[in-house]
Amino acid sequence: MKNVNPGSLEREGGSGDRRTIGPPGPAQQIWILVLLGAICIGLEIGVHLFLRTAIGYTHIFYVLLVLAAIWYYQKALIVAAALVAATFLTSIIVGDFSWATLLRAAMFLVVTWIVARISEERDRAKEEIILQKKAIEEKHSALVGYLAEVALRMKNPVNLMRDNMAAIRLQLESEKPDLEAVKMELSVQITHADQIIANFRELNQAIVEERDEIPLAYRDFLTR
């Protein structure tokens, strides 16, 4: 009987139960921001207004501002303005309004604007990558359709030429071949070959006109 390690079973069972936690949805984002906003206002009132100190606790404000800027871009400046207003109000009440208060308020606004701008540019670049990927997939599908059309246009004429050439070979291998009939059949095969070449040129011309990124030398080659 094969020995089974209980620890390995626990690890296997545990790995099977793992779930990937995705980013919060819009409703969760709002609740997170509301909770952080309430904590920031509570700290502003409790620490600054009652304990009469404005040092240390304001670092927590940046958590709120950064998350708001990442999720809502420039709209996060409204949250920053609200924190600035709360800071000004408590500083006026406490009587410690100074250049440090103005600097702290400016940092709230500047940091929020920078993070919002970076997040907006990042998401815009991500959308552009998705659009480019979609365009590449569409071009790939068009290329597959092009190849399928080439196969369809080539299959019947080539099969017909093969059968006719085999018949011509049999005629030439006979004791008294009819050379006039052979010449006529060869003329028909030349017509079929011309049609195949015309089909290739038509399809190549179509794909070259649609794809602007094909180099000029390759375009000339495909349209010959």
C-alpha atoms as a PDB file:
ATOM      1  CA  MET A   1       0.000   0.000   0.000  1.00  0.00           C
ATOM      2  CA  LYS A   2       1.269   3.474  -0.913  1.00  0.00           C
ATOM      3  CA  ASN A   3       2.042   5.746   2.050  1.00  0.00           C
ATOM      4  CA  VAL A   4       0.351   9.126   1.981  1.00  0.00           C
ATOM      5  CA  ASN A   5       1.791  12.122   3.751  1.00  0.00           C
ATOM      6  CA  PRO A   6      -0.999  14.005   5.593  1.00  0.00           C
ATOM      7  CA  GLY A   7       0.939  17.237   5.247  1.00  0.00           C
ATOM      8  CA  SER A   8       0.948  16.893   1.463  1.00  0.00           C
ATOM      9  CA  LEU A   9      -2.814  16.355   1.510  1.00  0.00           C
ATOM     10  CA  GLU A  10      -3.269  19.513   3.544  1.00  0.00           C
ATOM     11  CA  ARG A  11      -1.077  21.466   1.167  1.00  0.00           C
ATOM     12  CA  GLU A  12      -2.921  20.117  -1.875  1.00  0.00           C
ATOM     13  CA  GLY A  13      -6.291  20.813  -0.316  1.00  0.00           C
ATOM     14  CA  GLY A  14      -5.214  24.273   0.729  1.00  0.00           C
ATOM     15  CA  SER A  15      -3.879  25.140  -2.704  1.00  0.00           C
ATOM     16  CA  GLY A  16      -7.146  24.061  -4.286  1.00  0.00           C
ATOM     17  CA  ASP A  17      -9.143  26.429  -2.084  1.00  0.00           C
ATOM     18  CA  ARG A  18      -7.133  29.534  -2.946  1.00  0.00           C
ATOM     19  CA  ARG A  19      -9.117  32.353  -4.505  1.00  0.00           C
ATOM     20  CA  THR A  20      -7.833  35.374  -6.333  1.00  0.00           C
ATOM     21  CA  ILE A  21      -8.975  38.619  -4.718  1.00  0.00           C
ATOM     22  CA  GLY A  22      -9.650  41.233  -7.383  1.00  0.00           C
ATOM     23  CA  PRO A  23      -9.783  45.020  -7.044  1.00  0.00           C
ATOM     24  CA  PRO A  24     -12.776  46.497  -5.207  1.00  0.00           C
ATOM     25  CA  GLY A  25     -15.850  47.421  -7.195  1.00  0.00           C
ATOM     26  CA  PRO A  26     -17.353  50.929  -7.405  1.00  0.00           C
ATOM     27  CA  ALA A  27     -19.599  50.402  -4.377  1.00  0.00           C
ATOM     28  CA  GLN A  28     -16.730  49.042  -2.295  1.00  0.00           C
ATOM     29  CA  GLN A  29     -14.513  51.934  -3.364  1.00  0.00           C
ATOM     30  CA  ILE A  30     -17.081  54.445  -2.131  1.00  0.00           C
ATOM     31  CA  TRP A  31     -17.444  52.671   1.211  1.00  0.00           C
ATOM     32  CA  ILE A  32     -13.666  52.540   1.655  1.00  0.00           C
ATOM     33  CA  LEU A  33     -13.339  56.254   0.915  1.00  0.00           C
ATOM     34  CA  VAL A  34     -16.234  57.116   3.252  1.00  0.00           C
ATOM     35  CA  LEU A  35     -14.663  55.072   6.042  1.00  0.00           C
ATOM     36  CA  LEU A  36     -11.246  56.641   5.538  1.00  0.00           C
ATOM     37  CA  GLY A  37     -12.826  60.090   5.302  1.00  0.00           C
ATOM     38  CA  ALA A  38     -14.618  59.570   8.601  1.00  0.00           C
ATOM     39  CA  ILE A  39     -11.353  58.448  10.218  1.00  0.00           C
ATOM     40  CA  CYS A  40      -9.503  61.503   8.881  1.00  0.00           C
ATOM     41  CA  ILE A  41     -12.192  63.929  10.065  1.00  0.00           C
ATOM     42  CA  GLY A  42     -12.273  62.162  13.442  1.00  0.00           C
ATOM     43  CA  LEU A  43      -8.515  62.516  13.797  1.00  0.00           C
ATOM     44  CA  GLU A  44      -8.657  66.163  12.748  1.00  0.00           C
ATOM     45  CA  ILE A  45     -11.287  66.911  15.370  1.00  0.00           C
ATOM     46  CA  GLY A  46     -10.000  64.647  18.131  1.00  0.00           C
ATOM     47  CA  VAL A  47      -6.259  65.221  17.823  1.00  0.00           C
ATOM     48  CA  HIS A  48      -6.024  68.730  16.434  1.00  0.00           C
ATOM     49  CA  LEU A  49      -9.034  70.330  18.087  1.00  0.00           C
ATOM     50  CA  PHE A  50      -8.926  68.650  21.487  1.00  0.00           C
ATOM     51  CA  LEU A  51      -5.287  67.596  21.889  1.00  0.00           C
ATOM     52  CA  ARG A  52      -4.070  70.813  20.253  1.00  0.00           C
ATOM     53  CA  THR A  53      -1.450  69.171  18.042  1.00  0.00           C
ATOM     54  CA  ALA A  54      -1.188  68.922  14.269  1.00  0.00           C
ATOM     55  CA  ILE A  55       1.814  66.611  14.039  1.00  0.00           C
ATOM     56  CA  GLY A  56       1.844  62.981  12.931  1.00  0.00           C
ATOM     57  CA  TYR A  57      -1.758  62.094  12.241  1.00  0.00           C
ATOM     58  CA  THR A  58      -2.029  63.963   8.913  1.00  0.00           C
ATOM     59  CA  HIS A  59       0.050  61.249   7.202  1.00  0.00           C
ATOM     60  CA  ILE A  60      -3.043  59.069   7.275  1.00  0.00           C
ATOM     61  CA  PHE A  61      -4.779  61.641   5.078  1.00  0.00           C
ATOM     62  CA  TYR A  62      -2.561  60.656   2.169  1.00  0.00           C
ATOM     63  CA  VAL A  63      -3.974  57.131   2.187  1.00  0.00           C
ATOM     64  CA  LEU A  64      -7.408  58.597   1.507  1.00  0.00           C
ATOM     65  CA  LEU A  65      -6.115  61.049  -1.081  1.00  0.00           C
ATOM     66  CA  VAL A  66      -4.016  58.489  -2.992  1.00  0.00           C
ATOM     67  CA  LEU A  67      -6.836  55.940  -3.173  1.00  0.00           C
ATOM     68  CA  ALA A  68      -9.319  58.594  -4.280  1.00  0.00           C
ATOM     69  CA  ALA A  69      -6.894  59.816  -6.957  1.00  0.00           C
ATOM     70  CA  ILE A  70      -6.256  56.286  -8.250  1.00  0.00           C
ATOM     71  CA  TRP A  71      -9.944  55.455  -8.497  1.00  0.00           C
ATOM     72  CA  TYR A  72     -11.512  58.794  -9.453  1.00  0.00           C
ATOM     73  CA  TYR A  73      -8.632  60.812 -10.977  1.00  0.00           C
ATOM     74  CA  GLN A  74      -9.120  64.599 -10.846  1.00  0.00           C
ATOM     75  CA  LYS A  75     -12.383  64.248  -8.888  1.00  0.00           C
ATOM     76  CA  ALA A  76     -10.207  63.361  -5.886  1.00  0.00           C
ATOM     77  CA  LEU A  77      -9.313  67.049  -5.666  1.00  0.00           C
ATOM     78  CA  ILE A  78     -12.769  67.530  -4.114  1.00  0.00           C
ATOM     79  CA  VAL A  79     -11.747  65.185  -1.278  1.00  0.00           C
ATOM     80  CA  ALA A  80      -8.450  67.051  -0.926  1.00  0.00           C
ATOM     81  CA  ALA A  81     -10.294  70.374  -0.811  1.00  0.00           C
ATOM     82  CA  ALA A  82     -12.576  69.025   1.936  1.00  0.00           C
ATOM     83  CA  LEU A  83      -9.573  67.993   4.025  1.00  0.00           C
ATOM     84  CA  VAL A  84      -7.974  71.381   3.423  1.00  0.00           C
ATOM     85  CA  ALA A  85     -11.173  73.110   4.595  1.00  0.00           C
ATOM     86  CA  ALA A  86     -11.300  70.926   7.719  1.00  0.00           C
ATOM     87  CA  THR A  87      -7.637  71.665   8.455  1.00  0.00           C
ATOM     88  CA  PHE A  88      -8.141  75.412   8.015  1.00  0.00           C
ATOM     89  CA  LEU A  89     -11.233  75.384  10.232  1.00  0.00           C
ATOM     90  CA  THR A  90      -9.609  73.520  13.130  1.00  0.00           C
ATOM     91  CA  SER A  91      -6.434  75.617  12.813  1.00  0.00           C
ATOM     92  CA  ILE A  92      -8.467  78.826  13.057  1.00  0.00           C
ATOM     93  CA  ILE A  93     -10.376  77.507  16.072  1.00  0.00           C
ATOM     94  CA  VAL A  94      -7.218  76.289  17.823  1.00  0.00           C
ATOM     95  CA  GLY A  95      -5.309  79.426  16.832  1.00  0.00           C
ATOM     96  CA  ASP A  96      -2.261  77.757  15.259  1.00  0.00           C
ATOM     97  CA  PHE A  97      -2.908  78.829  11.672  1.00  0.00           C
ATOM     98  CA  SER A  98       0.502  79.479  10.104  1.00  0.00           C
ATOM     99  CA  TRP A  99       2.626  78.924   7.024  1.00  0.00           C
ATOM    100  CA  ALA A 100       2.896  75.235   8.045  1.00  0.00           C
ATOM    101  CA  THR A 101      -0.871  74.956   7.710  1.00  0.00           C
ATOM    102  CA  LEU A 102      -0.723  76.433   4.213  1.00  0.00           C
ATOM    103  CA  LEU A 103       2.149  74.115   3.266  1.00  0.00           C
ATOM    104  CA  ARG A 104       0.232  71.079   4.546  1.00  0.00           C
ATOM    105  CA  ALA A 105      -2.841  72.101   2.551  1.00  0.00           C
ATOM    106  CA  ALA A 106      -0.764  72.666  -0.583  1.00  0.00           C
ATOM    107  CA  MET A 107       0.796  69.205  -0.199  1.00  0.00           C
ATOM    108  CA  PHE A 108      -2.676  67.660  -0.002  1.00  0.00           C
ATOM    109  CA  LEU A 109      -3.648  69.260  -3.303  1.00  0.00           C
ATOM    110  CA  VAL A 110      -0.344  68.701  -5.116  1.00  0.00           C
ATOM    111  CA  VAL A 111       0.005  65.041  -4.142  1.00  0.00           C
ATOM    112  CA  THR A 112      -3.598  64.361  -5.099  1.00  0.00           C
ATOM    113  CA  TRP A 113      -3.186  66.046  -8.474  1.00  0.00           C
ATOM    114  CA  ILE A 114       0.060  64.199  -9.280  1.00  0.00           C
ATOM    115  CA  VAL A 115      -1.320  60.767  -8.358  1.00  0.00           C
ATOM    116  CA  ALA A 116      -4.546  61.474 -10.256  1.00  0.00           C
ATOM    117  CA  ARG A 117      -2.611  62.509 -13.363  1.00  0.00           C
ATOM    118  CA  ILE A 118      -0.348  59.448 -13.235  1.00  0.00           C
ATOM    119  CA  SER A 119      -3.296  57.108 -12.696  1.00  0.00           C
ATOM    120  CA  GLU A 120      -5.242  58.678 -15.534  1.00  0.00           C
ATOM    121  CA  GLU A 121      -2.301  58.369 -17.934  1.00  0.00           C
ATOM    122  CA  ARG A 122      -1.696  54.775 -16.855  1.00  0.00           C
ATOM    123  CA  ASP A 123      -5.301  53.740 -17.439  1.00  0.00           C
ATOM    124  CA  ARG A 124      -5.348  55.584 -20.771  1.00  0.00           C
ATOM    125  CA  ALA A 125      -2.222  53.709 -21.865  1.00  0.00           C
ATOM    126  CA  LYS A 126      -3.822  50.459 -20.750  1.00  0.00           C
ATOM    127  CA  GLU A 127      -6.907  51.208 -22.834  1.00  0.00           C
ATOM    128  CA  GLU A 128      -4.715  52.007 -25.847  1.00  0.00           C
ATOM    129  CA  ILE A 129      -2.926  48.675 -25.446  1.00  0.00           C
ATOM    130  CA  ILE A 130      -6.268  46.876 -25.317  1.00  0.00           C
ATOM    131  CA  LEU A 131      -7.431  48.689 -28.459  1.00  0.00           C
ATOM    132  CA  GLN A 132      -4.163  47.872 -30.244  1.00  0.00           C
ATOM    133  CA  LYS A 133      -4.491  44.238 -29.232  1.00  0.00           C
ATOM    134  CA  LYS A 134      -8.042  44.192 -30.547  1.00  0.00           C
ATOM    135  CA  ALA A 135      -6.900  45.760 -33.821  1.00  0.00           C
ATOM    136  CA  ILE A 136      -4.145  43.137 -34.163  1.00  0.00           C
ATOM    137  CA  GLU A 137      -6.674  40.377 -33.559  1.00  0.00           C
ATOM    138  CA  GLU A 138      -8.966  41.859 -36.205  1.00  0.00           C
ATOM    139  CA  LYS A 139      -6.081  42.022 -38.688  1.00  0.00           C
ATOM    140  CA  HIS A 140      -5.210  38.438 -37.849  1.00  0.00           C
ATOM    141  CA  SER A 141      -8.789  37.390 -38.519  1.00  0.00           C
ATOM    142  CA  ALA A 142      -8.700  39.288 -41.814  1.00  0.00           C
ATOM    143  CA  LEU A 143      -5.468  37.519 -42.754  1.00  0.00           C
ATOM    144  CA  VAL A 144      -6.990  34.142 -41.940  1.00  0.00           C
ATOM    145  CA  GLY A 145      -9.996  35.032 -44.086  1.00  0.00           C
ATOM    146  CA  TYR A 146      -7.640  36.107 -46.857  1.00  0.00           C
ATOM    147  CA  LEU A 147      -5.797  32.781 -46.749  1.00  0.00           C
ATOM    148  CA  ALA A 148      -9.083  30.891 -46.713  1.00  0.00           C
ATOM    149  CA  GLU A 149     -10.273  32.813 -49.758  1.00  0.00           C
ATOM    150  CA  VAL A 150      -6.980  32.096 -51.527  1.00  0.00           C
ATOM    151  CA  ALA A 151      -7.389  28.391 -50.799  1.00  0.00           C
ATOM    152  CA  LEU A 152     -10.943  28.396 -52.129  1.00  0.00           C
ATOM    153  CA  ARG A 153     -10.004  30.276 -55.285  1.00  0.00           C
ATOM    154  CA  MET A 154      -6.998  28.040 -55.897  1.00  0.00           C
ATOM    155  CA  LYS A 155      -8.462  24.641 -55.088  1.00  0.00           C
ATOM    156  CA  ASN A 156     -10.835  24.140 -58.012  1.00  0.00           C
ATOM    157  CA  PRO A 157      -8.588  25.565 -60.790  1.00  0.00           C
ATOM    158  CA  VAL A 158      -5.550  23.597 -59.585  1.00  0.00           C
ATOM    159  CA  ASN A 159      -7.495  20.361 -59.318  1.00  0.00           C
ATOM    160  CA  LEU A 160      -8.895  20.918 -62.784  1.00  0.00           C
ATOM    161  CA  MET A 161      -5.431  21.624 -64.192  1.00  0.00           C
ATOM    162  CA  ARG A 162      -4.058  18.475 -62.578  1.00  0.00           C
ATOM    163  CA  ASP A 163      -6.781  16.302 -64.120  1.00  0.00           C
ATOM    164  CA  ASN A 164      -6.399  17.910 -67.529  1.00  0.00           C
ATOM    165  CA  MET A 165      -2.613  17.588 -67.496  1.00  0.00           C
ATOM    166  CA  ALA A 166      -2.953  13.924 -66.597  1.00  0.00           C
ATOM    167  CA  ALA A 167      -5.309  13.477 -69.549  1.00  0.00           C
ATOM    168  CA  ILE A 168      -2.851  15.245 -71.857  1.00  0.00           C
ATOM    169  CA  ARG A 169      -0.075  12.935 -70.668  1.00  0.00           C
ATOM    170  CA  LEU A 170      -2.198   9.900 -71.486  1.00  0.00           C
ATOM    171  CA  GLN A 171      -2.843  11.290 -74.965  1.00  0.00           C
ATOM    172  CA  LEU A 172       0.881  11.812 -75.563  1.00  0.00           C
ATOM    173  CA  GLU A 173       1.649   8.290 -74.372  1.00  0.00           C
ATOM    174  CA  SER A 174      -0.789   6.786 -76.876  1.00  0.00           C
ATOM    175  CA  GLU A 175       0.440   5.294 -80.175  1.00  0.00           C
ATOM    176  CA  LYS A 176      -1.008   8.049 -82.345  1.00  0.00           C
ATOM    177  CA  PRO A 177      -1.486  11.197 -80.244  1.00  0.00           C
ATOM    178  CA  ASP A 178      -3.694  13.922 -81.630  1.00  0.00           C
ATOM    179  CA  LEU A 179      -1.295  16.849 -81.502  1.00  0.00           C
ATOM    180  CA  GLU A 180      -3.950  19.404 -82.395  1.00  0.00           C
ATOM    181  CA  ALA A 181      -6.115  18.247 -79.487  1.00  0.00           C
ATOM    182  CA  VAL A 182      -3.082  18.339 -77.209  1.00  0.00           C
ATOM    183  CA  LYS A 183      -2.304  21.909 -78.316  1.00  0.00           C
ATOM    184  CA  MET A 184      -5.908  22.918 -77.619  1.00  0.00           C
ATOM    185  CA  GLU A 185      -5.824  21.319 -74.185  1.00  0.00           C
ATOM    186  CA  LEU A 186      -2.542  23.067 -73.367  1.00  0.00           C
ATOM    187  CA  SER A 187      -4.072  26.385 -74.411  1.00  0.00           C
ATOM    188  CA  VAL A 188      -6.935  25.749 -71.993  1.00  0.00           C
ATOM    189  CA  GLN A 189      -4.437  24.989 -69.191  1.00  0.00           C
ATOM    190  CA  ILE A 190      -2.565  28.205 -69.941  1.00  0.00           C
ATOM    191  CA  THR A 191      -5.891  30.057 -69.587  1.00  0.00           C
ATOM    192  CA  HIS A 192      -6.464  28.370 -66.213  1.00  0.00           C
ATOM    193  CA  ALA A 193      -2.947  29.326 -65.092  1.00  0.00           C
ATOM    194  CA  ASP A 194      -3.573  32.936 -66.129  1.00  0.00           C
ATOM    195  CA  GLN A 195      -6.776  32.911 -64.096  1.00  0.00           C
ATOM    196  CA  ILE A 196      -4.926  31.616 -61.041  1.00  0.00           C
ATOM    197  CA  ILE A 197      -2.302  34.358 -61.423  1.00  0.00           C
ATOM    198  CA  ALA A 198      -5.078  36.965 -61.784  1.00  0.00           C
ATOM    199  CA  ASN A 199      -6.741  35.674 -58.616  1.00  0.00           C
ATOM    200  CA  PHE A 200      -3.439  35.980 -56.734  1.00  0.00           C
ATOM    201  CA  ARG A 201      -2.873  39.527 -57.951  1.00  0.00           C
ATOM    202  CA  GLU A 202      -6.397  40.573 -57.061  1.00  0.00           C
ATOM    203  CA  LEU A 203      -6.187  39.157 -53.553  1.00  0.00           C
ATOM    204  CA  ASN A 204      -2.673  40.517 -52.959  1.00  0.00           C
ATOM    205  CA  GLN A 205      -3.751  43.961 -54.146  1.00  0.00           C
ATOM    206  CA  ALA A 206      -6.694  43.878 -51.742  1.00  0.00           C
ATOM    207  CA  ILE A 207      -4.605  42.974 -48.717  1.00  0.00           C
ATOM    208  CA  VAL A 208      -1.858  45.486 -49.596  1.00  0.00           C
ATOM    209  CA  GLU A 209      -4.366  48.349 -49.842  1.00  0.00           C
ATOM    210  CA  GLU A 210      -5.806  47.473 -46.418  1.00  0.00           C
ATOM    211  CA  ARG A 211      -2.469  47.121 -44.584  1.00  0.00           C
ATOM    212  CA  ASP A 212      -0.572  50.428 -44.515  1.00  0.00           C
ATOM    213  CA  GLU A 213       2.248  49.002 -42.397  1.00  0.00           C
ATOM    214  CA  ILE A 214       3.532  46.736 -45.209  1.00  0.00           C
ATOM    215  CA  PRO A 215       6.849  48.142 -46.546  1.00  0.00           C
ATOM    216  CA  LEU A 216       6.827  49.537 -50.061  1.00  0.00           C
ATOM    217  CA  ALA A 217       9.203  46.851 -51.381  1.00  0.00           C
ATOM    218  CA  TYR A 218       6.908  44.096 -50.122  1.00  0.00           C
ATOM    219  CA  ARG A 219       3.892  45.824 -51.628  1.00  0.00           C
ATOM    220  CA  ASP A 220       5.574  45.897 -55.030  1.00  0.00           C
ATOM    221  CA  PHE A 221       6.428  42.222 -54.685  1.00  0.00           C
ATOM    222  CA  LEU A 222       2.866  41.232 -53.786  1.00  0.00           C
ATOM    223  CA  THR A 223       1.310  43.227 -56.618  1.00  0.00           C
ATOM    224  CA  ARG A 224       3.598  41.965 -59.390  1.00  0.00           C
END
